Amino acid sequence: MSKILEMSQKRAELWDKAKAFLDEHQNENGVMSTEDTEEYERMEQDVVDMGHAIERMERAEQMDREMNDPANPVLAGHPERPAPAADNKRGTASDAYKKAFWNSVRGRMNYDVRNALQVGELTEGGYTVPDEFENQLIEALQDENIMRGLVHVISTSSGDRKIPLVTNYGTASWIEEEAQIPESDVAFNQITLGAHKLATAIRISQELLNDSAFDLASFIAHEFQRRAGAAEEEAILAGDGSHKPIGLLHDTLGAQVGVTAASTTAITADELIDLQHSLKSGYRRKAAFIMNDATIKAIRKLKDGQGQYLWQPSIREGVPDMILNTRVYMSNYMPLVEAGKKVILYGDYSYYWLADRTGRTLQRLNELYAMTDQVGFKLTERLDGRLILPEAVKVLKMKAA
């Protein structure tokens, strides 16, 4: 056993003893006697001092390795072959950071790894995922979450994003010769998008982590895609704004009601046509329907005045089905056809802005699942969203009971 490993284990034992001492000697109010406080602080300082000693030994080993490297690389043939291009990328985009990041995820942490990860270390724990992997996560989210491909996604690095809106347009007027020109100003408002945290925890067995053939990056990306993609889609549609984005179905800040059905349990073809024309023609060019699968099933049975079914199935890969010559998307997070529910959205969803905070983080959890020989991984992202122009999306609402 190496000296560093031996000291690390001893340090962990000292910390366990310090915590046990604290639990045993503090009263119900968390207060200890002066003597016990001094003893605990001494034990705590021993843990800190041993940590510094371990860091010094790790730096010494690193310097030994560097000093023992040959001053010039050994010529091993093919002298005419140019050296590989240097890694010009910096920060979380660099190859060094990417290599250190995945070494830390697999538990291969040493001084070199910690040093390389400093550029992506966060105060709340965990490390920012490499840029290349974050792009992979975002692409996966777009595959899993239908709304990411429809809404307008903006990237923010930090802080709130303020969006200026025009709430009233100026007009021109016909006037007589030498008459005073009436003033007509444009009125502005502002929407602020913040950042709500979305998190999930994934468990992986220690055996899989130790297996170099196991594609850890793809596994994490797939699980994050499945979990975060579903949560994002639900929030964009039905979010109430409490620790999550404000969704399109929000009563006051979401889509405007275009049509109220005459029935509490059924939708007619005429009501779908009315819904389309409740939207201004300029928005209809990029508009699409969104509804639950059960609602699609009911609409598939509807016919127009010529006896033709309204629903037209897609015959090309990647092209959605059509209703009234308009794209239709299915989401399980749209309400079922019930009294008073908003069951169909129709509009241009690019007027829903999703503020995506760059810098998704991954934190390894060593102790939480140790008793089952598993390692946990906590993934987090931050985002916010809101429909910035309510008239761009209309909703069909069922008649109240």
Protein backbone atom coordinates (compact mmCIF):
# COMPACT_ATOMS: atom_id res chain seq x y z
CA MET A 1 0.00 0.00 0.00
CA SER A 2 1.37 3.42 -0.99
CA LYS A 3 2.12 5.99 1.69
CA ILE A 4 -0.44 8.42 0.24
CA LEU A 5 -3.21 5.82 0.26
CA GLU A 6 -2.31 4.81 3.80
CA MET A 7 -2.46 8.42 4.97
CA SER A 8 -5.75 8.99 3.15
CA GLN A 9 -7.33 6.05 4.95
CA LYS A 10 -5.97 7.26 8.28
CA ARG A 11 -7.35 10.73 7.59
CA ALA A 12 -10.78 9.26 6.90
CA GLU A 13 -10.62 7.37 10.21
CA LEU A 14 -9.69 10.57 12.05
CA TRP A 15 -12.66 12.37 10.54
CA ASP A 16 -15.00 9.54 11.54
CA LYS A 17 -13.72 9.80 15.11
CA ALA A 18 -14.16 13.58 15.10
CA LYS A 19 -17.77 13.29 13.91
CA ALA A 20 -18.49 10.59 16.50
CA PHE A 21 -16.99 12.77 19.24
CA LEU A 22 -19.15 15.69 18.14
CA ASP A 23 -22.33 13.61 18.16
CA GLU A 24 -21.53 12.21 21.57
CA HIS A 25 -20.57 15.41 23.39
CA GLN A 26 -22.90 18.10 22.10
CA ASN A 27 -26.24 18.61 23.79
CA GLU A 28 -29.66 18.88 22.17
CA ASN A 29 -28.93 22.51 21.27
CA GLY A 30 -25.64 21.65 19.58
CA VAL A 31 -23.53 23.14 22.40
CA MET A 32 -20.40 21.54 23.94
CA SER A 33 -18.36 22.36 27.00
CA THR A 34 -15.21 24.41 26.64
CA GLU A 35 -12.99 21.35 27.13
CA ASP A 36 -14.92 19.27 24.59
CA THR A 37 -14.88 22.12 22.10
CA GLU A 38 -11.10 22.40 22.38
CA GLU A 39 -10.72 18.64 21.93
CA TYR A 40 -12.98 18.58 18.87
CA GLU A 41 -11.16 21.53 17.27
CA ARG A 42 -7.86 19.72 17.85
CA MET A 43 -9.21 16.61 16.11
CA GLU A 44 -10.58 18.73 13.26
CA GLN A 45 -7.23 20.47 12.83
CA ASP A 46 -5.46 17.09 12.67
CA VAL A 47 -7.71 16.17 9.74
CA VAL A 48 -6.93 19.46 7.98
CA ASP A 49 -3.19 19.15 8.60
CA MET A 50 -3.10 15.60 7.29
CA GLY A 51 -4.92 16.76 4.17
CA HIS A 52 -2.23 19.34 3.55
CA ALA A 53 0.43 16.69 4.09
CA ILE A 54 -1.19 14.41 1.53
CA GLU A 55 -1.31 17.25 -1.00
CA ARG A 56 2.40 17.95 -0.44
CA MET A 57 3.25 14.29 -1.00
CA GLU A 58 1.19 14.21 -4.18
CA ARG A 59 2.96 17.32 -5.50
CA ALA A 60 6.32 15.77 -4.63
CA GLU A 61 5.46 12.58 -6.53
CA GLN A 62 4.35 14.65 -9.50
CA MET A 63 7.62 16.61 -9.52
CA ASP A 64 9.60 13.35 -9.26
CA ARG A 65 7.81 12.03 -12.34
CA GLU A 66 8.48 15.24 -14.25
CA MET A 67 12.16 15.33 -13.23
CA ASN A 68 12.64 11.71 -14.25
CA ASP A 69 11.21 12.31 -17.73
CA PRO A 70 13.89 12.63 -20.44
CA ALA A 71 14.74 16.21 -21.35
CA ASN A 72 14.27 15.45 -25.07
CA PRO A 73 11.94 12.89 -26.59
CA VAL A 74 13.58 9.71 -27.82
CA LEU A 75 13.69 9.50 -31.62
CA ALA A 76 11.85 6.30 -32.48
CA GLY A 77 11.81 6.40 -36.28
CA HIS A 78 9.82 8.26 -38.90
CA PRO A 79 11.57 11.57 -38.27
CA GLU A 80 9.86 13.10 -41.28
CA ARG A 81 6.38 12.70 -39.73
CA PRO A 82 5.16 16.04 -38.31
CA ALA A 83 4.26 16.19 -34.65
CA PRO A 84 0.52 16.15 -33.86
CA ALA A 85 -1.12 19.54 -33.60
CA ALA A 86 -1.19 21.02 -30.14
CA ASP A 87 -4.45 21.20 -28.25
CA ASN A 88 -5.36 24.84 -28.76
CA LYS A 89 -8.66 24.53 -26.95
CA ARG A 90 -8.89 25.96 -23.49
CA GLY A 91 -10.94 25.48 -20.32
CA THR A 92 -13.69 22.87 -20.36
CA ALA A 93 -13.23 22.43 -24.13
CA SER A 94 -9.62 21.20 -23.88
CA ASP A 95 -8.62 17.59 -24.36
CA ALA A 96 -6.75 17.66 -21.05
CA TYR A 97 -9.89 18.69 -19.19
CA LYS A 98 -11.97 16.05 -20.96
CA LYS A 99 -9.48 13.31 -20.07
CA ALA A 100 -9.25 14.46 -16.44
CA PHE A 101 -13.04 14.74 -16.18
CA TRP A 102 -13.69 11.12 -17.20
CA ASN A 103 -10.80 9.89 -15.05
CA SER A 104 -12.43 11.57 -12.06
CA VAL A 105 -15.81 10.06 -12.96
CA ARG A 106 -14.26 6.60 -12.97
CA GLY A 107 -12.57 7.31 -9.64
CA ARG A 108 -9.04 7.69 -10.97
CA MET A 109 -8.36 10.89 -9.07
CA ASN A 110 -4.82 12.14 -8.52
CA TYR A 111 -3.01 15.46 -8.35
CA ASP A 112 -2.87 15.84 -12.15
CA VAL A 113 -6.58 15.22 -12.46
CA ARG A 114 -7.52 17.65 -9.70
CA ASN A 115 -5.27 20.29 -11.18
CA ALA A 116 -6.82 19.94 -14.65
CA LEU A 117 -10.35 20.05 -13.24
CA GLN A 118 -9.88 23.37 -11.43
CA VAL A 119 -11.25 25.32 -14.41
CA GLY A 120 -14.58 23.53 -14.12
CA GLU A 121 -14.93 23.10 -10.37
CA LEU A 122 -18.07 24.55 -8.82
CA THR A 123 -18.57 25.82 -5.29
CA GLU A 124 -21.70 23.70 -4.76
CA GLY A 125 -19.86 20.50 -5.69
CA GLY A 126 -19.23 18.67 -8.93
CA TYR A 127 -17.53 19.67 -12.16
CA THR A 128 -18.74 21.29 -15.33
CA VAL A 129 -19.02 18.64 -18.03
CA PRO A 130 -16.65 19.02 -21.02
CA ASP A 131 -18.02 21.15 -23.87
CA GLU A 132 -18.08 18.25 -26.30
CA PHE A 133 -20.10 16.10 -23.87
CA GLU A 134 -22.47 18.97 -23.09
CA ASN A 135 -23.24 19.26 -26.80
CA GLN A 136 -23.93 15.53 -26.82
CA LEU A 137 -26.33 15.96 -23.90
CA ILE A 138 -28.15 18.82 -25.63
CA GLU A 139 -28.50 16.84 -28.86
CA ALA A 140 -29.88 13.93 -26.86
CA LEU A 141 -32.35 16.23 -25.12
CA GLN A 142 -33.59 17.45 -28.50
CA ASP A 143 -34.26 13.85 -29.55
CA GLU A 144 -36.16 13.04 -26.37
CA ASN A 145 -37.96 16.35 -25.85
CA ILE A 146 -40.20 17.40 -28.76
CA MET A 147 -40.43 20.96 -27.45
CA ARG A 148 -36.69 21.72 -27.76
CA GLY A 149 -37.00 21.45 -31.52
CA LEU A 150 -39.99 23.82 -31.60
CA VAL A 151 -39.15 26.57 -29.11
CA HIS A 152 -36.46 29.25 -29.34
CA VAL A 153 -33.44 28.21 -27.25
CA ILE A 154 -31.00 30.86 -26.06
CA SER A 155 -27.77 30.14 -24.20
CA THR A 156 -26.76 32.18 -21.18
CA SER A 157 -23.55 31.93 -19.18
CA SER A 158 -24.73 33.49 -15.92
CA GLY A 159 -27.26 35.86 -14.41
CA ASP A 160 -30.78 36.67 -15.55
CA ARG A 161 -31.67 37.24 -19.18
CA LYS A 162 -33.81 40.33 -19.79
CA ILE A 163 -35.97 40.30 -22.92
CA PRO A 164 -37.44 43.61 -24.17
CA LEU A 165 -40.95 43.34 -25.63
CA VAL A 166 -43.02 45.74 -27.71
CA THR A 167 -46.47 45.96 -26.12
CA ASN A 168 -47.92 48.72 -28.31
CA TYR A 169 -46.96 49.85 -31.79
CA GLY A 170 -47.07 53.41 -33.09
CA THR A 171 -49.40 54.36 -35.94
CA ALA A 172 -49.48 56.84 -38.81
CA SER A 173 -52.38 59.28 -39.29
CA TRP A 174 -53.89 61.24 -42.18
CA ILE A 175 -53.77 64.95 -41.38
CA GLU A 176 -54.65 68.26 -43.04
CA GLU A 177 -52.07 70.67 -44.41
CA GLU A 178 -50.13 72.44 -41.64
CA ALA A 179 -52.05 70.48 -38.99
CA GLN A 180 -50.16 69.17 -35.96
CA ILE A 181 -48.84 65.62 -36.32
CA PRO A 182 -50.22 63.43 -33.50
CA GLU A 183 -47.68 61.60 -31.37
CA SER A 184 -47.75 57.83 -31.41
CA ASP A 185 -45.02 56.12 -29.44
CA VAL A 186 -44.00 52.51 -29.25
CA ALA A 187 -44.50 51.06 -25.75
CA PHE A 188 -42.02 48.56 -24.32
CA ASN A 189 -42.11 45.99 -21.55
CA GLN A 190 -39.55 43.52 -20.24
CA ILE A 191 -39.50 39.85 -19.31
CA THR A 192 -36.74 38.38 -17.15
CA LEU A 193 -35.69 34.76 -17.51
CA GLY A 194 -33.73 33.32 -14.58
CA ALA A 195 -32.42 29.80 -14.01
CA HIS A 196 -34.21 26.94 -12.28
CA LYS A 197 -32.22 23.84 -11.33
CA LEU A 198 -33.11 20.45 -12.79
CA ALA A 199 -31.26 17.49 -11.27
CA THR A 200 -31.17 13.71 -11.39
CA ALA A 201 -29.05 10.99 -9.77
CA ILE A 202 -27.80 7.89 -11.57
CA ARG A 203 -26.40 4.74 -9.95
CA ILE A 204 -23.75 2.56 -11.61
CA SER A 205 -22.17 -0.58 -10.22
CA GLN A 206 -18.49 -0.45 -9.34
CA GLU A 207 -17.84 -3.40 -11.67
CA LEU A 208 -19.13 -1.48 -14.67
CA LEU A 209 -17.06 1.57 -13.75
CA ASN A 210 -13.93 -0.55 -13.62
CA ASP A 211 -14.68 -2.10 -17.02
CA SER A 212 -12.86 0.01 -19.61
CA ALA A 213 -15.11 -1.45 -22.33
CA PHE A 214 -18.17 0.12 -20.70
CA ASP A 215 -19.15 3.29 -22.60
CA LEU A 216 -19.77 5.47 -19.56
CA ALA A 217 -20.31 8.70 -21.49
CA SER A 218 -23.03 7.20 -23.71
CA PHE A 219 -24.78 5.62 -20.72
CA ILE A 220 -24.89 8.88 -18.76
CA ALA A 221 -25.99 10.84 -21.84
CA HIS A 222 -28.81 8.36 -22.52
CA GLU A 223 -30.08 8.40 -18.94
CA PHE A 224 -29.88 12.20 -18.75
CA GLN A 225 -31.70 12.41 -22.08
CA ARG A 226 -34.51 10.19 -20.88
CA ARG A 227 -35.00 11.85 -17.48
CA ALA A 228 -34.21 15.51 -18.13
CA GLY A 229 -35.87 15.48 -21.55
CA ALA A 230 -39.17 14.34 -20.05
CA ALA A 231 -38.96 16.88 -17.21
CA GLU A 232 -38.17 19.73 -19.62
CA GLU A 233 -41.05 18.86 -21.94
CA GLU A 234 -43.50 18.73 -19.05
CA ALA A 235 -42.31 22.11 -17.73
CA ILE A 236 -42.46 23.84 -21.12
CA LEU A 237 -46.03 22.68 -21.51
CA ALA A 238 -47.45 22.64 -17.98
CA GLY A 239 -44.90 24.43 -15.76
CA ASP A 240 -46.42 26.66 -13.08
CA GLY A 241 -43.34 28.88 -12.59
CA SER A 242 -42.65 27.53 -9.07
CA HIS A 243 -38.99 26.41 -9.23
CA LYS A 244 -39.55 25.60 -12.91
CA PRO A 245 -40.33 27.45 -16.16
CA ILE A 246 -43.76 28.92 -16.92
CA GLY A 247 -45.47 26.60 -19.38
CA LEU A 248 -47.61 27.21 -22.44
CA LEU A 249 -50.72 26.06 -20.57
CA HIS A 250 -50.31 28.58 -17.74
CA ASP A 251 -53.63 30.30 -16.98
CA THR A 252 -52.40 33.90 -17.15
CA LEU A 253 -48.94 33.87 -18.78
CA GLY A 254 -49.44 31.03 -21.25
CA ALA A 255 -51.26 30.64 -24.56
CA GLN A 256 -54.49 32.51 -25.15
CA VAL A 257 -57.76 30.59 -25.41
CA GLY A 258 -58.73 30.53 -29.08
CA VAL A 259 -61.76 28.24 -28.94
CA THR A 260 -63.91 26.82 -26.17
CA ALA A 261 -65.48 23.53 -27.19
CA ALA A 262 -69.25 23.17 -27.03
CA SER A 263 -68.89 19.79 -25.30
CA THR A 264 -67.09 18.66 -22.17
CA THR A 265 -65.96 15.39 -23.75
CA ALA A 266 -65.81 15.80 -27.55
CA ILE A 267 -64.12 17.96 -30.22
CA THR A 268 -65.59 18.72 -33.63
CA ALA A 269 -63.90 19.35 -36.97
CA ASP A 270 -65.37 22.87 -37.09
CA GLU A 271 -63.79 23.66 -33.71
CA LEU A 272 -60.36 22.67 -35.04
CA ILE A 273 -60.85 24.97 -38.03
CA ASP A 274 -61.98 27.75 -35.71
CA LEU A 275 -58.86 27.18 -33.61
CA GLN A 276 -56.67 27.62 -36.67
CA HIS A 277 -58.31 30.87 -37.65
CA SER A 278 -58.24 32.23 -34.10
CA LEU A 279 -54.49 32.62 -34.72
CA LYS A 280 -53.33 35.58 -36.80
CA SER A 281 -52.27 34.54 -40.29
CA GLY A 282 -48.68 35.63 -39.76
CA TYR A 283 -48.22 33.02 -37.02
CA ARG A 284 -49.95 30.24 -38.98
CA ARG A 285 -47.04 29.87 -41.43
CA LYS A 286 -44.95 28.05 -38.80
CA ALA A 287 -47.78 26.79 -36.59
CA ALA A 288 -48.28 23.21 -35.39
CA PHE A 289 -50.72 21.29 -33.21
CA ILE A 290 -49.67 19.67 -29.93
CA MET A 291 -51.98 17.26 -28.11
CA ASN A 292 -52.15 14.05 -26.11
CA ASP A 293 -52.09 10.70 -27.92
CA ALA A 294 -55.64 9.98 -26.73
CA THR A 295 -56.78 13.29 -28.25
CA ILE A 296 -55.12 12.39 -31.55
CA LYS A 297 -56.94 9.08 -31.46
CA ALA A 298 -60.29 10.88 -31.14
CA ILE A 299 -59.46 13.39 -33.90
CA ARG A 300 -58.38 10.64 -36.27
CA LYS A 301 -62.04 9.68 -36.51
CA LEU A 302 -63.18 13.16 -37.61
CA LYS A 303 -63.99 13.97 -41.25
CA ASP A 304 -64.36 17.19 -43.21
CA GLY A 305 -67.39 18.22 -45.30
CA GLN A 306 -66.23 16.01 -48.19
CA GLY A 307 -65.99 12.93 -45.99
CA GLN A 308 -62.16 13.02 -45.87
CA TYR A 309 -60.40 12.30 -42.60
CA LEU A 310 -58.74 15.34 -41.04
CA TRP A 311 -55.75 13.33 -39.92
CA GLN A 312 -53.09 12.55 -42.53
CA PRO A 313 -50.35 10.11 -41.47
CA SER A 314 -46.76 10.87 -42.38
CA ILE A 315 -45.16 8.71 -45.07
CA ARG A 316 -41.62 10.09 -44.67
CA GLU A 317 -39.17 9.54 -41.85
CA GLY A 318 -38.71 12.62 -39.67
CA VAL A 319 -41.88 14.27 -40.94
CA PRO A 320 -44.76 14.49 -38.43
CA ASP A 321 -48.37 13.56 -39.09
CA MET A 322 -50.74 16.27 -40.31
CA ILE A 323 -54.16 17.56 -39.28
CA LEU A 324 -55.80 20.08 -41.64
CA ASN A 325 -52.51 20.19 -43.56
CA THR A 326 -50.71 21.22 -40.37
CA ARG A 327 -48.04 19.35 -38.42
CA VAL A 328 -49.22 17.61 -35.26
CA TYR A 329 -46.98 16.54 -32.38
CA MET A 330 -47.87 14.19 -29.54
CA SER A 331 -46.98 14.81 -25.92
CA ASN A 332 -48.07 12.78 -22.92
CA TYR A 333 -47.95 15.97 -20.86
CA MET A 334 -50.92 17.54 -22.64
CA PRO A 335 -54.20 17.08 -20.69
CA LEU A 336 -56.79 14.50 -21.67
CA VAL A 337 -60.17 15.55 -23.09
CA GLU A 338 -62.00 16.40 -19.89
CA ALA A 339 -64.27 19.23 -18.76
CA GLY A 340 -62.50 22.57 -18.46
CA LYS A 341 -59.10 21.27 -19.66
CA LYS A 342 -56.86 22.92 -22.26
CA VAL A 343 -56.35 19.98 -24.59
CA ILE A 344 -54.90 21.29 -27.88
CA LEU A 345 -52.19 23.87 -28.50
CA TYR A 346 -51.83 25.52 -31.90
CA GLY A 347 -49.35 28.20 -32.80
CA ASP A 348 -45.78 29.27 -33.53
CA TYR A 349 -43.73 27.95 -30.60
CA SER A 350 -40.61 29.91 -31.53
CA TYR A 351 -42.16 32.69 -29.44
CA TYR A 352 -41.57 30.52 -26.38
CA TRP A 353 -38.03 31.32 -25.25
CA LEU A 354 -36.04 28.71 -23.32
CA ALA A 355 -33.01 30.19 -21.54
CA ASP A 356 -30.47 27.38 -21.29
CA ARG A 357 -27.68 28.09 -18.78
CA THR A 358 -24.45 26.65 -20.16
CA GLY A 359 -22.28 24.52 -17.90
CA ARG A 360 -24.11 21.32 -16.97
CA THR A 361 -22.44 19.65 -13.99
CA LEU A 362 -21.68 16.09 -12.98
CA GLN A 363 -20.74 15.13 -9.43
CA ARG A 364 -19.56 11.69 -8.31
CA LEU A 365 -21.19 10.41 -5.07
CA ASN A 366 -18.83 7.87 -3.52
CA GLU A 367 -20.41 7.09 -0.16
CA LEU A 368 -24.16 7.32 -0.74
CA TYR A 369 -24.51 3.89 -2.37
CA ALA A 370 -21.31 2.30 -1.09
CA MET A 371 -23.12 -0.42 0.88
CA THR A 372 -24.50 -1.83 -2.39
CA ASP A 373 -21.13 -1.48 -4.16
CA GLN A 374 -22.49 1.24 -6.41
CA VAL A 375 -21.39 4.76 -7.27
CA GLY A 376 -23.86 7.59 -7.73
CA PHE A 377 -23.65 10.46 -10.18
CA LYS A 378 -25.63 13.68 -9.78
CA LEU A 379 -26.29 15.67 -12.93
CA THR A 380 -27.68 19.21 -12.87
CA GLU A 381 -28.67 21.82 -15.40
CA ARG A 382 -30.23 25.27 -15.08
CA LEU A 383 -32.87 26.74 -17.35
CA ASP A 384 -35.96 28.92 -17.48
CA GLY A 385 -38.61 29.58 -20.08
CA ARG A 386 -41.68 31.60 -20.92
CA LEU A 387 -43.99 32.44 -23.80
CA ILE A 388 -42.94 36.00 -24.64
CA LEU A 389 -45.87 36.71 -26.99
CA PRO A 390 -49.10 35.02 -25.82
CA GLU A 391 -50.99 35.81 -29.03
CA ALA A 392 -48.57 33.60 -31.01
CA VAL A 393 -50.07 30.40 -29.53
CA LYS A 394 -53.74 29.55 -29.09
CA VAL A 395 -55.38 26.76 -27.12
CA LEU A 396 -58.59 24.80 -27.44
CA LYS A 397 -60.30 24.50 -24.08
CA MET A 398 -63.08 22.07 -23.24
CA LYS A 399 -66.40 23.36 -21.92
CA ALA A 400 -66.54 23.55 -18.12
CA ALA A 401 -68.75 21.03 -16.36
